C-alpha atoms as a PDB file:
ATOM      1  CA  MET A   1       0.000   0.000   0.000  1.00  0.00           C
ATOM      2  CA  LYS A   2       2.928   2.359   0.704  1.00  0.00           C
ATOM      3  CA  ARG A   3       4.297   1.799  -2.802  1.00  0.00           C
ATOM      4  CA  PHE A   4       0.896   2.613  -4.313  1.00  0.00           C
ATOM      5  CA  PHE A   5       0.716   5.828  -2.253  1.00  0.00           C
ATOM      6  CA  TRP A   6       4.195   6.953  -3.358  1.00  0.00           C
ATOM      7  CA  LEU A   7       3.381   6.084  -6.970  1.00  0.00           C
ATOM      8  CA  ILE A   8       0.338   8.378  -6.822  1.00  0.00           C
ATOM      9  CA  ILE A   9       2.345  11.200  -5.188  1.00  0.00           C
ATOM     10  CA  GLY A  10       5.109  10.848  -7.776  1.00  0.00           C
ATOM     11  CA  SER A  11       2.584  10.880 -10.628  1.00  0.00           C
ATOM     12  CA  LEU A  12       0.969  14.046  -9.307  1.00  0.00           C
ATOM     13  CA  LEU A  13       4.334  15.801  -8.950  1.00  0.00           C
ATOM     14  CA  PHE A  14       5.371  14.694 -12.437  1.00  0.00           C
ATOM     15  CA  ALA A  15       2.073  16.008 -13.819  1.00  0.00           C
ATOM     16  CA  ALA A  16       2.333  19.380 -12.025  1.00  0.00           C
ATOM     17  CA  ALA A  17       4.587  21.055 -14.632  1.00  0.00           C
ATOM     18  CA  PRO A  18       2.262  20.518 -17.621  1.00  0.00           C
ATOM     19  CA  VAL A  19      -0.721  21.575 -15.513  1.00  0.00           C
ATOM     20  CA  MET A  20       0.939  24.864 -14.553  1.00  0.00           C
ATOM     21  CA  ALA A  21       1.575  25.582 -18.221  1.00  0.00           C
ATOM     22  CA  GLN A  22      -2.006  24.798 -19.289  1.00  0.00           C
ATOM     23  CA  ASP A  23      -3.866  26.158 -16.258  1.00  0.00           C
ATOM     24  CA  HIS A  24      -6.598  23.525 -16.744  1.00  0.00           C
ATOM     25  CA  VAL A  25      -8.336  21.926 -13.779  1.00  0.00           C
ATOM     26  CA  GLU A  26     -11.832  20.454 -13.436  1.00  0.00           C
ATOM     27  CA  VAL A  27     -13.759  19.803 -10.228  1.00  0.00           C
ATOM     28  CA  GLY A  28     -17.256  18.475  -9.801  1.00  0.00           C
ATOM     29  CA  VAL A  29     -19.819  16.811  -7.600  1.00  0.00           C
ATOM     30  CA  PHE A  30     -22.094  13.978  -8.629  1.00  0.00           C
ATOM     31  CA  ALA A  31     -24.964  11.737  -7.662  1.00  0.00           C
ATOM     32  CA  ASP A  32     -23.848   8.114  -7.596  1.00  0.00           C
ATOM     33  CA  TYR A  33     -25.945   5.002  -8.321  1.00  0.00           C
ATOM     34  CA  THR A  34     -24.373   1.572  -7.852  1.00  0.00           C
ATOM     35  CA  ARG A  35     -26.102  -1.744  -8.569  1.00  0.00           C
ATOM     36  CA  MET A  36     -24.351  -4.383  -6.456  1.00  0.00           C
ATOM     37  CA  THR A  37     -24.514  -7.897  -7.866  1.00  0.00           C
ATOM     38  CA  GLN A  38     -23.816  -9.647  -4.545  1.00  0.00           C
ATOM     39  CA  SER A  39     -25.869  -7.493  -2.176  1.00  0.00           C
ATOM     40  CA  PRO A  40     -29.430  -8.111  -0.994  1.00  0.00           C
ATOM     41  CA  THR A  41     -29.979  -4.324  -1.100  1.00  0.00           C
ATOM     42  CA  LYS A  42     -28.908  -4.258  -4.773  1.00  0.00           C
ATOM     43  CA  ASN A  43     -29.397  -0.522  -5.431  1.00  0.00           C
ATOM     44  CA  LEU A  44     -27.188   1.957  -3.582  1.00  0.00           C
ATOM     45  CA  VAL A  45     -27.265   5.734  -4.034  1.00  0.00           C
ATOM     46  CA  GLY A  46     -24.935   8.407  -2.736  1.00  0.00           C
ATOM     47  CA  LEU A  47     -22.918  11.534  -3.402  1.00  0.00           C
ATOM     48  CA  GLY A  48     -19.365  12.080  -4.507  1.00  0.00           C
ATOM     49  CA  GLY A  49     -16.765  14.489  -5.766  1.00  0.00           C
ATOM     50  CA  ARG A  50     -13.999  14.436  -8.339  1.00  0.00           C
ATOM     51  CA  ALA A  51     -11.033  16.505  -9.458  1.00  0.00           C
ATOM     52  CA  ALA A  52      -9.028  16.282 -12.669  1.00  0.00           C
ATOM     53  CA  ILE A  53      -5.873  17.920 -13.979  1.00  0.00           C
ATOM     54  CA  ALA A  54      -5.050  18.133 -17.677  1.00  0.00           C
ATOM     55  CA  LEU A  55      -1.860  16.480 -18.851  1.00  0.00           C
ATOM     56  CA  ARG A  56      -2.732  17.289 -22.482  1.00  0.00           C
ATOM     57  CA  PRO A  57      -5.883  18.746 -24.061  1.00  0.00           C
ATOM     58  CA  SER A  58      -7.289  15.241 -24.552  1.00  0.00           C
ATOM     59  CA  VAL A  59      -5.841  13.509 -21.450  1.00  0.00           C
ATOM     60  CA  GLN A  60      -6.676  14.174 -17.818  1.00  0.00           C
ATOM     61  CA  LEU A  61      -5.588  12.531 -14.598  1.00  0.00           C
ATOM     62  CA  GLU A  62      -8.629  12.186 -12.351  1.00  0.00           C
ATOM     63  CA  ALA A  63      -9.415  11.205  -8.755  1.00  0.00           C
ATOM     64  CA  GLU A  64     -12.884  10.664  -7.317  1.00  0.00           C
ATOM     65  CA  MET A  65     -14.535   9.522  -4.114  1.00  0.00           C
ATOM     66  CA  ALA A  66     -18.192   8.659  -3.446  1.00  0.00           C
ATOM     67  CA  TYR A  67     -20.170   7.617  -0.390  1.00  0.00           C
ATOM     68  CA  ASP A  68     -23.275   5.461  -0.832  1.00  0.00           C
ATOM     69  CA  PHE A  69     -25.774   5.970   1.977  1.00  0.00           C
ATOM     70  CA  LYS A  70     -26.660   3.132   4.352  1.00  0.00           C
ATOM     71  CA  ARG A  71     -29.351   0.701   3.287  1.00  0.00           C
ATOM     72  CA  SER A  72     -31.075  -1.631   5.691  1.00  0.00           C
ATOM     73  CA  PHE A  73     -32.233  -5.162   4.969  1.00  0.00           C
ATOM     74  CA  ALA A  74     -33.384  -8.135   7.008  1.00  0.00           C
ATOM     75  CA  SER A  75     -31.205 -11.234   7.301  1.00  0.00           C
ATOM     76  CA  THR A  76     -32.025 -14.604   8.808  1.00  0.00           C
ATOM     77  CA  PHE A  77     -29.612 -16.558  11.005  1.00  0.00           C
ATOM     78  CA  THR A  78     -30.188 -20.205  11.898  1.00  0.00           C
ATOM     79  CA  ASN A  79     -27.925 -22.099  14.291  1.00  0.00           C
ATOM     80  CA  GLY A  80     -29.742 -25.449  13.986  1.00  0.00           C
ATOM     81  CA  THR A  81     -32.132 -24.984  16.900  1.00  0.00           C
ATOM     82  CA  SER A  82     -33.413 -21.432  16.554  1.00  0.00           C
ATOM     83  CA  THR A  83     -33.877 -18.817  13.868  1.00  0.00           C
ATOM     84  CA  GLU A  84     -33.275 -15.109  14.344  1.00  0.00           C
ATOM     85  CA  LEU A  85     -34.201 -12.212  12.064  1.00  0.00           C
ATOM     86  CA  VAL A  86     -31.730  -9.320  12.298  1.00  0.00           C
ATOM     87  CA  ASN A  87     -31.645  -5.847  10.734  1.00  0.00           C
ATOM     88  CA  THR A  88     -28.402  -5.290   8.834  1.00  0.00           C
ATOM     89  CA  GLN A  89     -27.166  -1.919   7.577  1.00  0.00           C
ATOM     90  CA  PHE A  90     -24.832  -1.785   4.576  1.00  0.00           C
ATOM     91  CA  ARG A  91     -22.935   1.099   2.942  1.00  0.00           C
ATOM     92  CA  THR A  92     -20.042   1.570   0.513  1.00  0.00           C
ATOM     93  CA  LEU A  93     -17.250   4.073  -0.027  1.00  0.00           C
ATOM     94  CA  HIS A  94     -15.595   4.244  -3.466  1.00  0.00           C
ATOM     95  CA  ALA A  95     -12.184   5.844  -4.176  1.00  0.00           C
ATOM     96  CA  LEU A  96     -10.789   5.681  -7.705  1.00  0.00           C
ATOM     97  CA  PHE A  97      -7.852   7.235  -9.568  1.00  0.00           C
ATOM     98  CA  GLY A  98      -6.805   7.107 -13.214  1.00  0.00           C
ATOM     99  CA  PRO A  99      -6.713   8.688 -16.666  1.00  0.00           C
ATOM    100  CA  LYS A 100      -9.615  10.111 -18.672  1.00  0.00           C
ATOM    101  CA  LEU A 101      -9.215  10.241 -22.474  1.00  0.00           C
ATOM    102  CA  GLN A 102     -11.580  12.657 -24.210  1.00  0.00           C
ATOM    103  CA  THR A 103     -12.424  13.847 -27.697  1.00  0.00           C
ATOM    104  CA  GLY A 104     -11.774  17.382 -28.970  1.00  0.00           C
ATOM    105  CA  SER A 105     -12.188  20.606 -27.063  1.00  0.00           C
ATOM    106  CA  GLY A 106     -15.674  21.754 -28.089  1.00  0.00           C
ATOM    107  CA  PRO A 107     -18.735  22.147 -25.867  1.00  0.00           C
ATOM    108  CA  PHE A 108     -19.629  18.408 -26.145  1.00  0.00           C
ATOM    109  CA  ARG A 109     -17.063  15.722 -25.414  1.00  0.00           C
ATOM    110  CA  LEU A 110     -17.159  11.953 -25.324  1.00  0.00           C
ATOM    111  CA  TYR A 111     -14.638  10.205 -23.110  1.00  0.00           C
ATOM    112  CA  VAL A 112     -13.436   6.871 -21.751  1.00  0.00           C
ATOM    113  CA  THR A 113     -11.790   6.294 -18.422  1.00  0.00           C
ATOM    114  CA  GLY A 114      -9.953   3.497 -16.669  1.00  0.00           C
ATOM    115  CA  LYS A 115      -9.402   3.856 -12.938  1.00  0.00           C
ATOM    116  CA  THR A 116      -8.123   1.759 -10.073  1.00  0.00           C
ATOM    117  CA  GLY A 117      -8.644   2.151  -6.360  1.00  0.00           C
ATOM    118  CA  PHE A 118     -10.754   0.550  -3.677  1.00  0.00           C
ATOM    119  CA  VAL A 119     -14.282  -0.063  -2.481  1.00  0.00           C
ATOM    120  CA  ASN A 120     -14.846  -0.099   1.274  1.00  0.00           C
ATOM    121  CA  PHE A 121     -17.834  -2.004   2.626  1.00  0.00           C
ATOM    122  CA  SER A 122     -19.273  -1.380   6.061  1.00  0.00           C
ATOM    123  CA  THR A 123     -21.961  -3.540   7.629  1.00  0.00           C
ATOM    124  CA  SER A 124     -23.678  -3.307  10.965  1.00  0.00           C
ATOM    125  CA  ASN A 125     -25.788  -6.172  12.256  1.00  0.00           C
ATOM    126  CA  GLN A 126     -26.388  -5.167  15.843  1.00  0.00           C
ATOM    127  CA  GLY A 127     -28.112  -7.772  17.953  1.00  0.00           C
ATOM    128  CA  ALA A 128     -27.089 -10.681  15.737  1.00  0.00           C
ATOM    129  CA  THR A 129     -26.230 -14.007  17.278  1.00  0.00           C
ATOM    130  CA  ALA A 130     -22.537 -14.950  17.271  1.00  0.00           C
ATOM    131  CA  GLY A 131     -21.605 -16.600  14.005  1.00  0.00           C
ATOM    132  CA  PHE A 132     -23.937 -14.477  11.885  1.00  0.00           C
ATOM    133  CA  THR A 133     -22.978 -14.226   8.227  1.00  0.00           C
ATOM    134  CA  SER A 134     -24.787 -12.255   5.564  1.00  0.00           C
ATOM    135  CA  ALA A 135     -25.306 -12.739   1.864  1.00  0.00           C
ATOM    136  CA  LEU A 136     -22.305 -10.507   1.119  1.00  0.00           C
ATOM    137  CA  GLY A 137     -19.748 -13.279   1.191  1.00  0.00           C
ATOM    138  CA  GLY A 138     -16.318 -12.078   2.359  1.00  0.00           C
ATOM    139  CA  VAL A 139     -17.413  -8.551   3.283  1.00  0.00           C
ATOM    140  CA  THR A 140     -19.743  -9.425   6.166  1.00  0.00           C
ATOM    141  CA  THR A 141     -17.870  -7.461   8.826  1.00  0.00           C
ATOM    142  CA  GLY A 142     -16.696  -4.692   6.551  1.00  0.00           C
ATOM    143  CA  ALA A 143     -13.731  -4.899   4.242  1.00  0.00           C
ATOM    144  CA  THR A 144     -11.749  -2.913   1.724  1.00  0.00           C
ATOM    145  CA  ARG A 145     -11.329  -4.483  -1.704  1.00  0.00           C
ATOM    146  CA  PHE A 146      -9.166  -3.527  -4.679  1.00  0.00           C
ATOM    147  CA  ALA A 147     -11.311  -2.183  -7.538  1.00  0.00           C
ATOM    148  CA  VAL A 148     -10.945  -1.594 -11.276  1.00  0.00           C
ATOM    149  CA  TYR A 149     -13.306   0.733 -13.099  1.00  0.00           C
ATOM    150  CA  PRO A 150     -13.636   0.993 -16.903  1.00  0.00           C
ATOM    151  CA  GLY A 151     -16.223   3.586 -17.914  1.00  0.00           C
ATOM    152  CA  ALA A 152     -17.405   6.014 -20.584  1.00  0.00           C
ATOM    153  CA  GLY A 153     -19.444   9.165 -20.658  1.00  0.00           C
ATOM    154  CA  VAL A 154     -20.329  12.531 -22.115  1.00  0.00           C
ATOM    155  CA  GLU A 155     -19.674  16.109 -20.983  1.00  0.00           C
ATOM    156  CA  ALA A 156     -21.453  19.279 -22.071  1.00  0.00           C
ATOM    157  CA  PHE A 157     -19.812  22.609 -21.214  1.00  0.00           C
ATOM    158  CA  SER A 158     -20.945  26.200 -21.569  1.00  0.00           C
ATOM    159  CA  ARG A 159     -17.693  28.056 -21.063  1.00  0.00           C
ATOM    160  CA  TYR A 160     -16.611  27.111 -17.498  1.00  0.00           C
ATOM    161  CA  ILE A 161     -19.673  25.239 -16.206  1.00  0.00           C
ATOM    162  CA  GLY A 162     -20.878  21.901 -17.491  1.00  0.00           C
ATOM    163  CA  LEU A 163     -22.728  18.649 -16.865  1.00  0.00           C
ATOM    164  CA  ARG A 164     -21.256  15.174 -16.950  1.00  0.00           C
ATOM    165  CA  ALA A 165     -22.877  11.731 -17.197  1.00  0.00           C
ATOM    166  CA  GLU A 166     -20.918   8.500 -16.873  1.00  0.00           C
ATOM    167  CA  ILE A 167     -21.598   4.768 -16.800  1.00  0.00           C
ATOM    168  CA  GLY A 168     -19.147   2.005 -16.022  1.00  0.00           C
ATOM    169  CA  ASP A 169     -18.442  -1.375 -14.489  1.00  0.00           C
ATOM    170  CA  GLU A 170     -16.916  -1.178 -11.017  1.00  0.00           C
ATOM    171  CA  ILE A 171     -15.183  -4.503 -10.509  1.00  0.00           C
ATOM    172  CA  TYR A 172     -13.966  -5.444  -7.044  1.00  0.00           C
ATOM    173  CA  PHE A 173     -12.239  -8.683  -6.127  1.00  0.00           C
ATOM    174  CA  ASP A 174     -13.581 -10.969  -3.385  1.00  0.00           C
ATOM    175  CA  HIS A 175     -12.894 -14.663  -4.142  1.00  0.00           C
ATOM    176  CA  GLY A 176     -13.142 -13.755  -7.832  1.00  0.00           C
ATOM    177  CA  SER A 177     -14.285 -10.636  -9.622  1.00  0.00           C
ATOM    178  CA  ARG A 178     -17.613  -8.967  -8.775  1.00  0.00           C
ATOM    179  CA  ASN A 179     -19.048  -6.741 -11.506  1.00  0.00           C
ATOM    180  CA  ASN A 180     -21.276  -3.824 -10.483  1.00  0.00           C
ATOM    181  CA  VAL A 181     -22.977  -1.252 -12.704  1.00  0.00           C
ATOM    182  CA  ARG A 182     -22.171   2.311 -11.634  1.00  0.00           C
ATOM    183  CA  VAL A 183     -23.758   5.523 -12.975  1.00  0.00           C
ATOM    184  CA  THR A 184     -22.815   9.095 -12.029  1.00  0.00           C
ATOM    185  CA  PHE A 185     -24.296  12.451 -13.026  1.00  0.00           C
ATOM    186  CA  GLY A 186     -23.500  15.978 -11.912  1.00  0.00           C
ATOM    187  CA  PRO A 187     -22.111  19.456 -12.570  1.00  0.00           C
ATOM    188  CA  GLN A 188     -18.466  20.241 -13.389  1.00  0.00           C
ATOM    189  CA  ILE A 189     -16.496  23.475 -13.164  1.00  0.00           C
ATOM    190  CA  ARG A 190     -13.450  24.075 -15.385  1.00  0.00           C
ATOM    191  CA  PHE A 191     -10.815  26.682 -14.616  1.00  0.00           C
END
């Protein structure tokens, strides 16, 4: 993890010189929708933010983070002699970093992105009998998993303010790959 951190810091320092010359930065907020394939709650919604620096007119280096609000669902635990119904709360935190390749420099742009990072799962099953396990597999007590995110989208700018819509496949790894549809939409500011 330390090597990954220093790689990110080195990349940002290396990218600082071209950014100073171009004076091109984008920041934005977005609504986040994630459809989890392994979760009983399935649909998670939240808010996030992102920042990007231009390395070239068609290439940006981007970082984003999103928090999906807690969802509650009922789980059943059976120990052989009794059955207990417990309320479980589940939430996710996404943090991704990587390049964004975009077309042209006009008011409408298409782009593709490929990011890596992590997804953090947090579960709370207060009052559950010892030995409780949920339908989430290896993330029953909360875990952080490596994630890969290929995505594509469209941006529409009017001078410095714009809107951005993106769809992708957030893949995290927990005893194999877990594919999850992720959609974001929100305003961007370019300066």
